Protein backbone atom coordinates (compact mmCIF):
# COMPACT_ATOMS: atom_id res chain seq x y z
CA MET A 1 21.84 -17.88 -21.54
CA LEU A 2 18.75 -18.41 -22.93
CA ILE A 3 19.20 -22.30 -22.88
CA THR A 4 19.69 -21.81 -19.25
CA TYR A 5 16.61 -19.62 -18.77
CA ARG A 6 14.61 -22.36 -20.94
CA PHE A 7 15.88 -25.13 -18.79
CA LEU A 8 14.62 -23.10 -15.65
CA ILE A 9 11.47 -22.54 -16.75
CA ASN A 10 10.76 -25.66 -17.91
CA LEU A 11 11.70 -27.33 -14.72
CA ILE A 12 9.15 -24.73 -12.86
CA PHE A 13 6.59 -26.13 -15.42
CA LEU A 14 7.45 -29.75 -14.64
CA LEU A 15 6.89 -28.83 -10.91
CA SER A 16 3.80 -26.65 -11.84
CA PRO A 17 1.21 -29.11 -11.10
CA LEU A 18 2.30 -29.56 -7.51
CA ILE A 19 2.86 -25.72 -7.06
CA LEU A 20 -0.45 -24.91 -8.44
CA ILE A 21 -2.29 -27.41 -5.91
CA LEU A 22 -0.42 -25.96 -3.11
CA ARG A 23 -1.70 -22.45 -4.18
CA LEU A 24 -5.60 -23.71 -4.69
CA LEU A 25 -5.00 -24.96 -1.18
CA LYS A 26 -4.14 -21.74 -0.08
CA LYS A 27 -6.95 -20.01 -2.28
CA LYS A 28 -4.42 -18.10 -4.30
CA GLU A 29 -5.63 -19.69 -7.31
CA ASP A 30 -8.88 -19.65 -9.24
CA ILE A 31 -10.14 -23.21 -9.29
CA GLY A 32 -12.37 -22.61 -12.66
CA ARG A 33 -9.56 -20.62 -14.38
CA PHE A 34 -6.03 -21.88 -13.19
CA LYS A 35 -6.20 -23.80 -16.51
CA GLU A 36 -5.82 -20.72 -18.26
CA LYS A 37 -2.15 -20.65 -17.42
CA PHE A 38 -1.64 -23.87 -19.40
CA CYS A 39 -3.13 -22.08 -22.60
CA ILE A 40 -6.66 -23.68 -21.86
CA PHE A 41 -8.55 -20.85 -22.44
CA SER A 42 -12.31 -19.92 -21.04
CA LYS A 43 -12.78 -17.10 -23.76
CA LYS A 44 -13.28 -17.26 -27.43
CA ARG A 45 -10.81 -14.85 -29.81
CA ASN A 46 -13.07 -12.60 -31.85
CA SER A 47 -12.20 -11.72 -35.32
CA GLY A 48 -10.92 -8.13 -35.93
CA LYS A 49 -7.79 -6.42 -34.07
CA LEU A 50 -6.86 -7.40 -30.58
CA LEU A 51 -4.63 -5.75 -28.44
CA TRP A 52 -2.88 -7.37 -25.72
CA PHE A 53 -1.77 -5.83 -22.30
CA HIS A 54 0.05 -7.83 -19.74
CA GLY A 55 0.19 -6.79 -16.12
CA ALA A 56 1.65 -8.46 -12.86
CA SER A 57 -1.19 -8.02 -10.70
CA VAL A 58 -3.58 -5.38 -9.02
CA GLY A 59 -1.41 -2.44 -8.90
CA GLU A 60 -0.55 -2.97 -12.62
CA ILE A 61 -4.25 -3.52 -14.03
CA GLN A 62 -5.33 -0.47 -12.04
CA SER A 63 -2.58 1.79 -13.47
CA ILE A 64 -3.50 1.07 -17.31
CA THR A 65 -7.17 1.16 -16.37
CA PRO A 66 -7.44 4.68 -17.74
CA LEU A 67 -5.40 3.93 -20.83
CA ILE A 68 -7.77 1.16 -21.33
CA GLU A 69 -11.12 3.04 -21.22
CA LYS A 70 -9.72 5.60 -24.28
CA LEU A 71 -8.08 2.61 -26.16
CA GLU A 72 -11.92 0.91 -26.16
CA LYS A 73 -13.40 4.16 -27.97
CA ASN A 74 -10.82 3.22 -31.14
CA LYS A 75 -13.34 1.53 -33.53
CA ARG A 76 -10.08 0.24 -35.16
CA ILE A 77 -9.79 -2.14 -32.22
CA LYS A 78 -12.31 -5.03 -31.81
CA THR A 79 -11.04 -6.55 -28.74
CA ILE A 80 -8.41 -6.07 -25.94
CA LEU A 81 -6.88 -8.71 -23.93
CA ILE A 82 -5.30 -8.25 -20.50
CA THR A 83 -3.47 -10.95 -18.95
CA SER A 84 -2.36 -10.73 -15.24
CA ASN A 85 -0.69 -13.23 -12.76
CA THR A 86 -2.68 -13.11 -9.67
CA LEU A 87 -6.21 -14.03 -8.25
CA SER A 88 -6.68 -10.50 -6.46
CA SER A 89 -5.89 -8.61 -9.87
CA SER A 90 -8.68 -11.11 -11.64
CA LYS A 91 -11.44 -9.96 -8.91
CA ILE A 92 -10.23 -6.32 -9.69
CA PHE A 93 -11.03 -6.58 -13.15
CA GLN A 94 -14.49 -7.93 -12.83
CA LYS A 95 -15.54 -4.48 -11.01
CA LEU A 96 -14.19 -2.56 -13.90
CA LYS A 97 -16.54 -1.57 -16.62
CA PHE A 98 -15.11 -2.60 -19.86
CA LYS A 99 -17.05 -3.02 -22.72
CA LYS A 100 -14.93 -5.14 -25.31
CA THR A 101 -11.98 -6.08 -23.11
CA ILE A 102 -11.36 -9.23 -21.58
CA HIS A 103 -9.33 -10.89 -18.73
CA GLN A 104 -6.96 -14.48 -18.95
CA PHE A 105 -4.36 -15.36 -16.64
CA PHE A 106 -0.79 -15.19 -18.06
CA PRO A 107 0.56 -18.64 -19.54
CA ILE A 108 3.95 -20.00 -17.66
CA ASP A 109 6.38 -18.53 -19.55
CA THR A 110 7.82 -21.77 -21.33
CA ASN A 111 8.59 -21.45 -25.47
CA PHE A 112 5.47 -24.33 -25.84
CA LEU A 113 2.83 -22.46 -24.12
CA ILE A 114 3.73 -19.09 -25.22
CA LYS A 115 4.02 -20.03 -29.18
CA LYS A 116 0.49 -21.60 -28.32
CA PHE A 117 -0.86 -18.35 -26.72
CA LEU A 118 0.37 -16.34 -29.92
CA ASN A 119 -1.16 -18.54 -32.34
CA TYR A 120 -4.51 -18.48 -30.56
CA TRP A 121 -4.91 -14.81 -29.53
CA LYS A 122 -3.01 -13.49 -32.63
CA PRO A 123 -2.11 -9.82 -31.26
CA SER A 124 -1.49 -6.94 -33.22
CA ALA A 125 0.52 -5.58 -30.53
CA ALA A 126 1.61 -6.53 -27.07
CA PHE A 127 1.95 -4.03 -24.38
CA PHE A 128 3.95 -4.99 -20.80
CA VAL A 129 3.30 -3.08 -17.99
CA ASP A 130 6.03 -1.69 -15.08
CA SER A 131 8.44 -4.48 -15.25
CA GLU A 132 7.08 -7.44 -16.82
CA ILE A 133 9.83 -8.62 -19.11
CA TRP A 134 9.36 -12.35 -20.28
CA PRO A 135 12.10 -13.55 -22.32
CA ASN A 136 10.69 -16.57 -24.38
CA THR A 137 7.39 -14.14 -24.70
CA ILE A 138 9.60 -11.44 -26.41
CA TYR A 139 11.39 -13.80 -28.50
CA ASN A 140 8.50 -15.39 -30.17
CA LEU A 141 6.68 -11.96 -30.13
CA ASP A 142 9.61 -10.60 -31.89
CA LYS A 143 9.57 -13.40 -34.35
CA ASN A 144 6.08 -13.14 -35.18
CA LYS A 145 7.02 -9.29 -35.98
CA ILE A 146 4.52 -8.40 -33.57
CA PRO A 147 5.28 -4.85 -31.99
CA ILE A 148 6.36 -4.74 -28.06
CA ILE A 149 5.69 -1.57 -26.39
CA LEU A 150 7.04 -1.62 -22.56
CA ILE A 151 4.18 0.92 -20.68
CA ASN A 152 5.10 2.59 -17.76
CA GLY A 153 8.35 0.60 -17.62
CA ARG A 154 10.15 0.57 -14.26
CA ILE A 155 13.66 -1.09 -13.56
CA THR A 156 15.00 -0.62 -10.02
CA LYS A 157 18.75 -0.43 -9.00
CA SER A 158 18.81 -4.20 -8.02
CA SER A 159 17.02 -5.47 -11.31
CA PHE A 160 19.22 -3.11 -13.55
CA GLU A 161 22.39 -4.86 -11.69
CA LYS A 162 21.02 -8.09 -12.32
CA TRP A 163 20.67 -7.68 -16.02
CA LYS A 164 24.11 -6.02 -16.47
CA LYS A 165 25.41 -9.10 -15.25
CA ILE A 166 24.09 -10.79 -18.29
CA PRO A 167 25.25 -7.88 -21.09
CA SER A 168 24.75 -9.83 -24.05
CA PHE A 169 21.50 -11.50 -23.01
CA SER A 170 19.85 -8.78 -21.74
CA LYS A 171 20.83 -6.53 -24.72
CA ASP A 172 19.23 -9.05 -27.26
CA ILE A 173 15.95 -9.14 -25.04
CA PHE A 174 15.53 -4.98 -24.59
CA ASP A 175 16.80 -4.23 -28.00
CA LYS A 176 13.79 -6.24 -29.15
CA ILE A 177 11.26 -3.68 -27.44
CA ASN A 178 10.02 -1.37 -30.09
CA LEU A 179 8.79 1.56 -28.04
CA CYS A 180 9.24 2.33 -24.10
CA PHE A 181 7.31 4.95 -21.66
CA PRO A 182 9.35 4.78 -18.72
CA SER A 183 7.48 5.64 -15.43
CA SER A 184 10.56 7.69 -14.10
CA LYS A 185 13.89 9.30 -15.23
CA GLN A 186 15.68 6.57 -13.27
CA SER A 187 14.06 3.90 -15.14
CA GLU A 188 14.64 5.84 -18.69
CA LYS A 189 18.60 5.81 -17.99
CA TYR A 190 18.56 2.22 -16.94
CA LEU A 191 16.50 1.10 -19.80
CA LYS A 192 18.39 2.88 -22.28
CA GLN A 193 21.74 1.36 -20.82
CA LEU A 194 20.05 -2.04 -21.37
CA GLY A 195 19.27 -1.77 -24.97
CA VAL A 196 16.21 0.06 -25.53
CA LYS A 197 16.24 2.38 -28.57
CA ARG A 198 13.13 4.12 -28.80
CA ILE A 199 12.32 5.65 -25.34
CA LYS A 200 10.28 8.67 -24.32
CA PHE A 201 9.52 9.70 -21.12
CA ILE A 202 6.20 11.27 -20.18
CA GLY A 203 5.35 10.87 -16.65
CA ASN A 204 4.38 7.73 -14.57
CA LEU A 205 0.76 6.44 -15.58
CA LYS A 206 -0.29 5.72 -11.85
CA PHE A 207 -0.98 9.45 -11.56
CA SER A 208 -3.88 9.24 -13.78
CA GLN A 209 -7.45 8.41 -13.00
CA SER A 210 -10.00 6.43 -14.44
CA GLU A 211 -12.72 8.73 -15.97
CA ASN A 212 -15.26 6.35 -14.82
CA GLU A 213 -14.00 6.70 -11.39
CA LYS A 214 -16.27 8.18 -8.71
CA LEU A 215 -15.39 8.93 -5.39
CA SER A 216 -16.97 6.17 -3.18
CA LYS A 217 -19.57 6.73 -0.69
CA SER A 218 -18.50 5.70 2.79
CA ASN A 219 -21.11 2.95 4.51
CA ASN A 220 -23.65 4.55 6.84
CA GLU A 221 -23.17 2.24 9.45
CA ILE A 222 -19.77 2.69 9.83
CA GLU A 223 -19.80 6.53 9.99
CA LYS A 224 -22.32 6.18 12.60
CA PHE A 225 -19.77 3.82 14.44
CA ILE A 226 -16.56 6.14 14.12
CA LYS A 227 -18.53 9.59 14.54
CA ASN A 228 -17.05 10.10 17.75
CA LYS A 229 -13.94 7.96 17.23
CA LYS A 230 -10.38 8.82 16.30
CA THR A 231 -9.35 6.72 13.00
CA TRP A 232 -6.33 5.19 11.05
CA CYS A 233 -6.19 3.06 8.36
CA ALA A 234 -3.47 0.59 7.44
CA SER A 235 -3.91 -0.52 3.59
CA SER A 236 -2.52 -3.04 1.44
CA THR A 237 -0.52 -4.80 4.42
CA HIS A 238 1.64 -7.55 4.43
CA ASN A 239 2.71 -10.67 6.83
CA THR A 240 4.08 -8.98 9.96
CA GLU A 241 2.59 -5.42 8.93
CA GLU A 242 -0.69 -6.23 10.64
CA LEU A 243 1.03 -7.07 13.77
CA ILE A 244 3.28 -3.81 13.95
CA CYS A 245 -0.12 -2.01 13.29
CA GLY A 246 -1.69 -4.13 16.38
CA LEU A 247 1.18 -3.09 18.45
CA VAL A 248 0.84 0.75 17.31
CA HIS A 249 -2.69 0.69 17.97
CA LYS A 250 -1.86 -0.59 21.59
CA ASN A 251 0.36 2.07 21.95
CA LEU A 252 -1.92 5.02 20.81
CA LYS A 253 -5.06 3.77 22.68
CA LYS A 254 -3.13 4.62 25.86
CA LYS A 255 -3.91 8.03 24.92
CA TYR A 256 -6.98 7.64 22.66
CA LYS A 257 -9.51 5.41 24.51
CA ASN A 258 -11.93 5.87 21.40
CA LEU A 259 -9.42 4.39 18.59
CA LEU A 260 -10.19 2.14 15.84
CA THR A 261 -8.22 0.95 13.47
CA PHE A 262 -8.70 -0.09 9.70
CA ILE A 263 -6.90 -2.72 8.63
CA ILE A 264 -6.87 -3.50 4.74
CA PRO A 265 -4.48 -6.79 3.96
CA ARG A 266 -3.15 -6.98 0.42
CA HIS A 267 -4.52 -10.69 0.44
CA ILE A 268 -7.11 -11.15 2.08
CA GLU A 269 -6.93 -14.87 2.20
CA ARG A 270 -4.88 -14.30 5.13
CA THR A 271 -7.73 -12.73 7.37
CA GLU A 272 -7.71 -15.77 9.66
CA ALA A 273 -4.37 -16.07 10.50
CA ILE A 274 -4.24 -11.86 10.97
CA ILE A 275 -7.38 -12.37 13.56
CA LYS A 276 -5.24 -14.70 15.36
CA GLU A 277 -2.46 -12.63 15.21
CA LEU A 278 -4.11 -9.68 16.63
CA ASN A 279 -6.24 -11.27 19.23
CA ASP A 280 -3.04 -13.16 20.70
CA ILE A 281 -2.30 -9.40 21.67
CA ASN A 282 -5.49 -8.85 23.36
CA LEU A 283 -7.01 -7.10 20.64
CA ILE A 284 -10.47 -7.25 19.71
CA THR A 285 -11.18 -7.62 15.98
CA HIS A 286 -14.30 -7.33 13.72
CA THR A 287 -14.15 -8.56 9.83
CA HIS A 288 -16.32 -6.36 7.36
CA GLU A 289 -20.20 -7.82 7.20
CA PRO A 290 -22.15 -4.78 6.09
CA LYS A 291 -25.40 -6.23 7.52
CA LYS A 292 -23.44 -7.27 11.12
CA LYS A 293 -23.48 -4.83 13.99
CA ILE A 294 -20.07 -3.28 15.11
CA PRO A 295 -19.39 -4.29 18.40
CA LYS A 296 -18.55 -1.10 20.42
CA ASN A 297 -15.33 -2.31 21.89
CA THR A 298 -13.84 -3.10 18.75
CA ASP A 299 -10.26 -2.42 18.62
CA ILE A 300 -9.22 -3.49 14.96
CA TYR A 301 -11.65 -3.77 11.60
CA ILE A 302 -10.11 -6.12 9.17
CA VAL A 303 -11.76 -5.27 5.59
CA ASN A 304 -11.70 -9.00 4.45
CA SER A 305 -12.86 -8.43 0.41
CA TYR A 306 -11.51 -6.98 -2.75
CA GLY A 307 -12.69 -3.71 -3.94
CA LYS A 308 -13.65 -1.81 -0.70
CA THR A 309 -10.59 0.57 -0.27
CA LYS A 310 -11.87 3.69 -1.56
CA SER A 311 -14.81 3.80 0.94
CA PHE A 312 -12.25 3.55 3.67
CA TYR A 313 -10.35 5.97 2.54
CA ASN A 314 -13.16 8.09 2.08
CA ILE A 315 -13.69 7.94 6.13
CA CYS A 316 -9.85 8.02 7.21
CA ASN A 317 -8.19 11.16 6.93
CA ASN A 318 -4.60 8.76 8.00
CA ILE A 319 -3.40 6.15 5.72
CA PHE A 320 -0.47 3.85 6.40
CA LEU A 321 0.68 1.91 3.27
CA GLY A 322 1.90 -1.51 3.65
CA GLY A 323 4.29 -3.59 1.74
CA SER A 324 7.06 -0.83 2.71
CA LEU A 325 7.90 -1.84 6.10
CA ILE A 326 8.67 -5.12 4.74
CA LYS A 327 10.97 -5.59 1.82
CA HIS A 328 8.43 -5.89 -1.14
CA GLY A 329 8.68 -2.32 -2.50
CA GLY A 330 5.41 -0.11 -1.68
CA GLN A 331 2.19 0.29 -2.65
CA ASN A 332 0.71 3.19 -4.84
CA PRO A 333 -0.15 6.41 -2.46
CA LEU A 334 -2.24 8.20 -5.12
CA GLU A 335 -5.73 6.69 -4.67
CA ALA A 336 -5.58 7.71 -1.42
CA THR A 337 -4.23 11.26 -1.89
CA ARG A 338 -7.37 11.85 -4.28
CA TYR A 339 -9.62 11.41 -0.82
CA GLY A 340 -7.50 14.01 0.57
CA CYS A 341 -5.83 11.53 2.88
CA ASN A 342 -2.73 12.01 4.57
CA ILE A 343 0.27 9.29 3.74
CA LEU A 344 2.60 7.35 5.92
CA TYR A 345 4.58 4.60 4.24
CA GLY A 346 8.01 2.73 5.48
CA PRO A 347 11.47 2.78 4.03
CA ASN A 348 11.19 0.13 1.29
CA VAL A 349 9.22 2.00 -1.48
CA ASP A 350 11.45 1.32 -4.29
CA ASN A 351 8.51 0.87 -6.65
CA PHE A 352 7.33 4.24 -6.04
CA LYS A 353 10.32 6.34 -5.20
CA GLU A 354 9.52 9.23 -7.06
CA ILE A 355 5.74 9.33 -6.37
CA TYR A 356 6.45 9.68 -2.71
CA LYS A 357 9.43 12.48 -3.01
CA PHE A 358 6.97 14.54 -4.89
CA LEU A 359 3.94 13.93 -2.43
CA ASP A 360 6.75 14.26 0.47
CA LYS A 361 7.71 18.16 -0.82
CA LEU A 362 3.73 18.64 -1.07
CA LYS A 363 3.74 17.35 2.53
CA ILE A 364 1.06 15.03 1.78
CA SER A 365 3.30 11.71 2.88
CA ASN A 366 5.87 11.32 5.37
CA LYS A 367 8.16 8.19 5.95
CA VAL A 368 8.56 6.11 8.99
CA ASN A 369 11.26 3.61 9.91
CA ASN A 370 9.71 1.81 12.31
CA GLN A 371 6.55 0.80 14.76
CA HIS A 372 8.01 3.44 17.20
CA GLN A 373 8.09 5.95 14.60
CA LEU A 374 4.40 5.19 13.10
CA SER A 375 2.89 5.57 16.42
CA TYR A 376 4.56 9.04 16.94
CA ARG A 377 3.53 10.56 13.38
CA LEU A 378 0.04 9.35 13.68
CA ASN A 379 -0.29 10.92 16.81
CA LYS A 380 0.74 14.42 15.38
CA MET A 381 -1.53 13.69 12.24
CA PHE A 382 -4.52 13.14 14.28
CA LEU A 383 -4.37 17.04 15.01
CA LYS A 384 -3.56 17.64 11.59
CA LYS A 385 -6.13 18.83 9.02
CA GLN A 386 -6.96 17.12 5.86
CA SER A 387 -4.95 17.88 2.66
CA SER A 388 -6.26 20.95 0.67
CA LYS A 389 -8.09 20.58 -2.43
CA LYS A 390 -5.39 22.33 -4.10
CA LYS A 391 -3.13 19.79 -4.17
CA GLN A 392 -5.64 17.02 -4.79
CA TYR A 393 -6.35 19.32 -7.69
CA ARG A 394 -2.84 19.80 -8.80
CA LEU A 395 -1.91 15.93 -8.77
CA ASN A 396 -5.27 15.25 -10.91
CA SER A 397 -4.17 17.64 -13.73
CA ILE A 398 -0.80 16.00 -13.62
CA GLY A 399 -2.44 12.91 -14.18
CA ASN A 400 -4.74 14.12 -16.69
CA LYS A 401 -1.67 15.61 -18.64
CA ILE A 402 0.35 12.04 -18.49
CA LEU A 403 -2.73 9.92 -19.73
CA ASN A 404 -3.53 12.00 -22.35
CA THR A 405 -0.08 12.54 -23.70
CA THR A 406 0.36 8.83 -23.20
CA TYR A 407 -2.73 7.75 -25.21
CA GLU A 408 -1.62 10.26 -27.81
CA LYS A 409 1.48 8.50 -28.60
CA VAL A 410 0.48 4.87 -28.09
CA ASN A 411 -2.50 6.03 -30.72
CA LEU A 412 -0.20 7.77 -33.46
CA PHE A 413 2.20 4.33 -32.77
CA LEU A 414 -0.60 2.06 -33.46
CA LYS A 415 -1.55 4.11 -36.69
CA ASN A 416 1.94 3.56 -37.79
CA GLU A 417 2.49 -0.06 -37.04
CA ILE A 418 -0.73 -1.85 -37.36
């Protein structure tokens, strides 16, 4: 199976120039840094111990930020390297105030490139976040006796079933993981069955909060504009979900003439397409430009820049989280709960099933299955008060406990292994 995988990944490598050209045209790659994916690095490797963390995109990077902040205070660690796959994650990283942590794009998982990557960075330990399992990387780390830690490890039922179809290959890979902190009890069960030997369930690291994170202040101009309006925010939306939200807006506007809907797309390069889609159903849109006056008849306010989400959670009590009405797996709702928001989400939230189940019990979140249910729930939520401070405090307490215990376990492992 390894031979088959290497053949397929090498085929992708051969096609990668064409794929990258298309992604550059779609503004999904950084024109100045895409070469990092071919191990042409833009940062130099400093002397001393280096820890390597890899997460696929924005959610993974945000989930480990509180842990990185703690590890940066460890004097034995000279450099922390974070790699990810997406342009959006690199832009989020730029907004983080790290002192000795650097970011590079993760190379294509070919045997040749991974050997080159490890030879250049020489990590003392490798941390894979969430569900990032790359066979060539894991084989080469094991060969070089570099400890492998799966942090906030997540295996969905569908992923588990796929791995079980290739039992010898999956066992050979998962057996090489030296330590695992699963994100849920379900993932713990699956990872044990797949062959991970040393596993400790602490809790989902996404409950934790950055010690440097401050609740964002709202834009005064926007606050004035929405003073006498009914508002809601559709955050981290994906293709087709913006149209659904536009139709929900049209339906609710029959009752609430002063309605304003905020849409924060997951991928801002889609902004023009979203505007056209909403204009086609006769909705008036406005894109986020702090110095530009907002027209009074605006229906949909589109946030077309990264890192602004929190300031809109601060002014909207009612949030719909995207990637959930389509088969994507949902988005992390915990950031919005820190602002006392009520959460709505679709049926496709496999990535955050246990978190939503917990929030449902606290009556902070509600599931909707379609456009009509979203309209119905929003109508109810416009009459509902903001979530209580007690619920926010409880969530923060849980997050702090998970973070501190994870740090202690990771620190102990590093002392013993490196």
